[in-house]
Amino acid sequence: MESQNRGRKLGRPKTDDREIPTREAILQVATRLYIENGFQKVSIDDVAKKAGMTKATVYYYFNSKAELFKEAMVALMGRIRQRIIHLMGSDKPLYDRLMDVSIAHL
């Protein structure tokens, strides 16, 4: 088959020179769009276009819009958690660390 001759399985999106993995790129774009426009107004097609890929590629990684939203929010909360851990791990007094966390998330 033609796609097997190119070294990839059928249905698998082609790889490219992205700095971050495709799945992460989709999650970052989706998170931004959901925050800016809300869940109801963002389609899989919107995410795909903004990420510079096809809807099929997005669906390869996420079965539905609801799954994409859930994974985007989980990833966002994970990044927030890591940022809080970083800020709270500094040598500053507790008050200053708490202020840093508050300022970072306002």
Protein backbone atom coordinates (compact mmCIF):
# COMPACT_ATOMS: atom_id res chain seq x y z
CA MET A 1 0.00 0.00 0.00
CA GLU A 2 1.10 3.51 -0.68
CA SER A 3 1.01 4.80 2.93
CA GLN A 4 2.97 1.78 4.15
CA ASN A 5 5.62 2.61 1.57
CA ARG A 6 6.03 5.99 3.23
CA GLY A 7 6.92 4.29 6.52
CA ARG A 8 3.77 4.89 8.56
CA LYS A 9 0.68 2.92 9.43
CA LEU A 10 -2.68 3.57 7.77
CA GLY A 11 -4.62 6.28 9.56
CA ARG A 12 -1.63 7.61 11.46
CA PRO A 13 -0.96 11.35 10.92
CA LYS A 14 2.32 12.13 9.27
CA THR A 15 5.05 13.44 11.52
CA ASP A 16 6.62 16.81 10.90
CA ASP A 17 9.18 19.16 12.34
CA ARG A 18 7.02 20.45 15.20
CA GLU A 19 8.86 21.48 18.33
CA ILE A 20 6.19 19.82 20.48
CA PRO A 21 4.28 16.57 19.91
CA THR A 22 1.09 16.87 17.84
CA ARG A 23 -1.11 15.84 20.77
CA GLU A 24 0.34 18.61 22.94
CA ALA A 25 -0.05 21.17 20.15
CA ILE A 26 -3.73 20.23 19.83
CA LEU A 27 -4.23 20.52 23.59
CA GLN A 28 -2.56 23.94 23.74
CA VAL A 29 -4.64 25.33 20.88
CA ALA A 30 -7.85 23.80 22.24
CA THR A 31 -7.22 25.18 25.72
CA ARG A 32 -6.68 28.68 24.35
CA LEU A 33 -9.82 28.50 22.21
CA TYR A 34 -11.99 27.10 25.03
CA ILE A 35 -10.81 29.82 27.41
CA GLU A 36 -11.37 32.60 24.86
CA ASN A 37 -14.69 31.39 23.37
CA GLY A 38 -16.22 28.76 25.64
CA PHE A 39 -16.92 25.09 25.00
CA GLN A 40 -20.11 25.57 22.97
CA LYS A 41 -18.60 27.96 20.43
CA VAL A 42 -15.45 25.93 19.68
CA SER A 43 -15.62 23.11 17.15
CA ILE A 44 -13.10 20.40 16.35
CA ASP A 45 -12.72 22.11 12.98
CA ASP A 46 -11.81 25.39 14.75
CA VAL A 47 -9.13 23.60 16.76
CA ALA A 48 -7.75 21.84 13.69
CA LYS A 49 -7.56 25.02 11.62
CA LYS A 50 -5.90 27.01 14.40
CA ALA A 51 -3.40 24.17 14.98
CA GLY A 52 -2.64 23.93 11.26
CA MET A 53 -3.85 20.37 10.80
CA THR A 54 -6.88 18.41 9.65
CA LYS A 55 -9.94 17.39 11.66
CA ALA A 56 -8.90 13.79 11.04
CA THR A 57 -5.63 14.43 12.86
CA VAL A 58 -7.47 15.87 15.87
CA TYR A 59 -9.85 12.90 15.87
CA TYR A 60 -6.88 10.54 15.69
CA TYR A 61 -5.81 11.79 19.13
CA PHE A 62 -9.23 12.58 20.66
CA ASN A 63 -12.45 10.65 20.03
CA SER A 64 -14.80 13.58 20.61
CA LYS A 65 -15.05 17.26 21.40
CA ALA A 66 -15.95 16.36 25.00
CA GLU A 67 -12.84 14.21 25.36
CA LEU A 68 -10.67 16.97 23.90
CA PHE A 69 -12.18 19.49 26.32
CA LYS A 70 -11.64 17.16 29.30
CA GLU A 71 -8.02 16.47 28.34
CA ALA A 72 -7.37 20.16 27.67
CA MET A 73 -8.68 21.12 31.12
CA VAL A 74 -6.74 18.32 32.84
CA ALA A 75 -3.56 19.46 31.09
CA LEU A 76 -4.27 23.09 32.05
CA MET A 77 -4.78 22.13 35.69
CA GLY A 78 -1.54 20.12 35.59
CA ARG A 79 0.38 23.14 34.29
CA ILE A 80 -1.18 25.34 36.98
CA ARG A 81 -0.25 22.79 39.63
CA GLN A 82 3.37 22.67 38.42
CA ARG A 83 3.57 26.47 38.42
CA ILE A 84 2.23 26.62 42.00
CA ILE A 85 4.73 23.97 43.12
CA HIS A 86 7.54 25.97 41.51
CA LEU A 87 6.46 29.24 43.11
CA MET A 88 5.91 27.69 46.53
CA GLY A 89 9.30 25.97 46.38
CA SER A 90 11.28 29.21 46.41
CA ASP A 91 13.25 30.49 49.39
CA LYS A 92 11.02 33.51 49.88
CA PRO A 93 8.94 33.96 53.06
CA LEU A 94 5.54 32.24 52.94
CA TYR A 95 3.65 35.53 52.55
CA ASP A 96 5.73 36.45 49.48
CA ARG A 97 5.31 32.99 47.95
CA LEU A 98 1.54 33.16 48.42
CA MET A 99 1.49 36.61 46.84
CA ASP A 100 3.48 35.27 43.88
CA VAL A 101 0.95 32.46 43.40
CA SER A 102 -1.96 34.94 43.64
CA ILE A 103 -0.38 37.33 41.14
CA ALA A 104 0.52 34.53 38.73
CA HIS A 105 -3.06 33.32 38.55
CA LEU A 106 -4.99 36.57 38.41
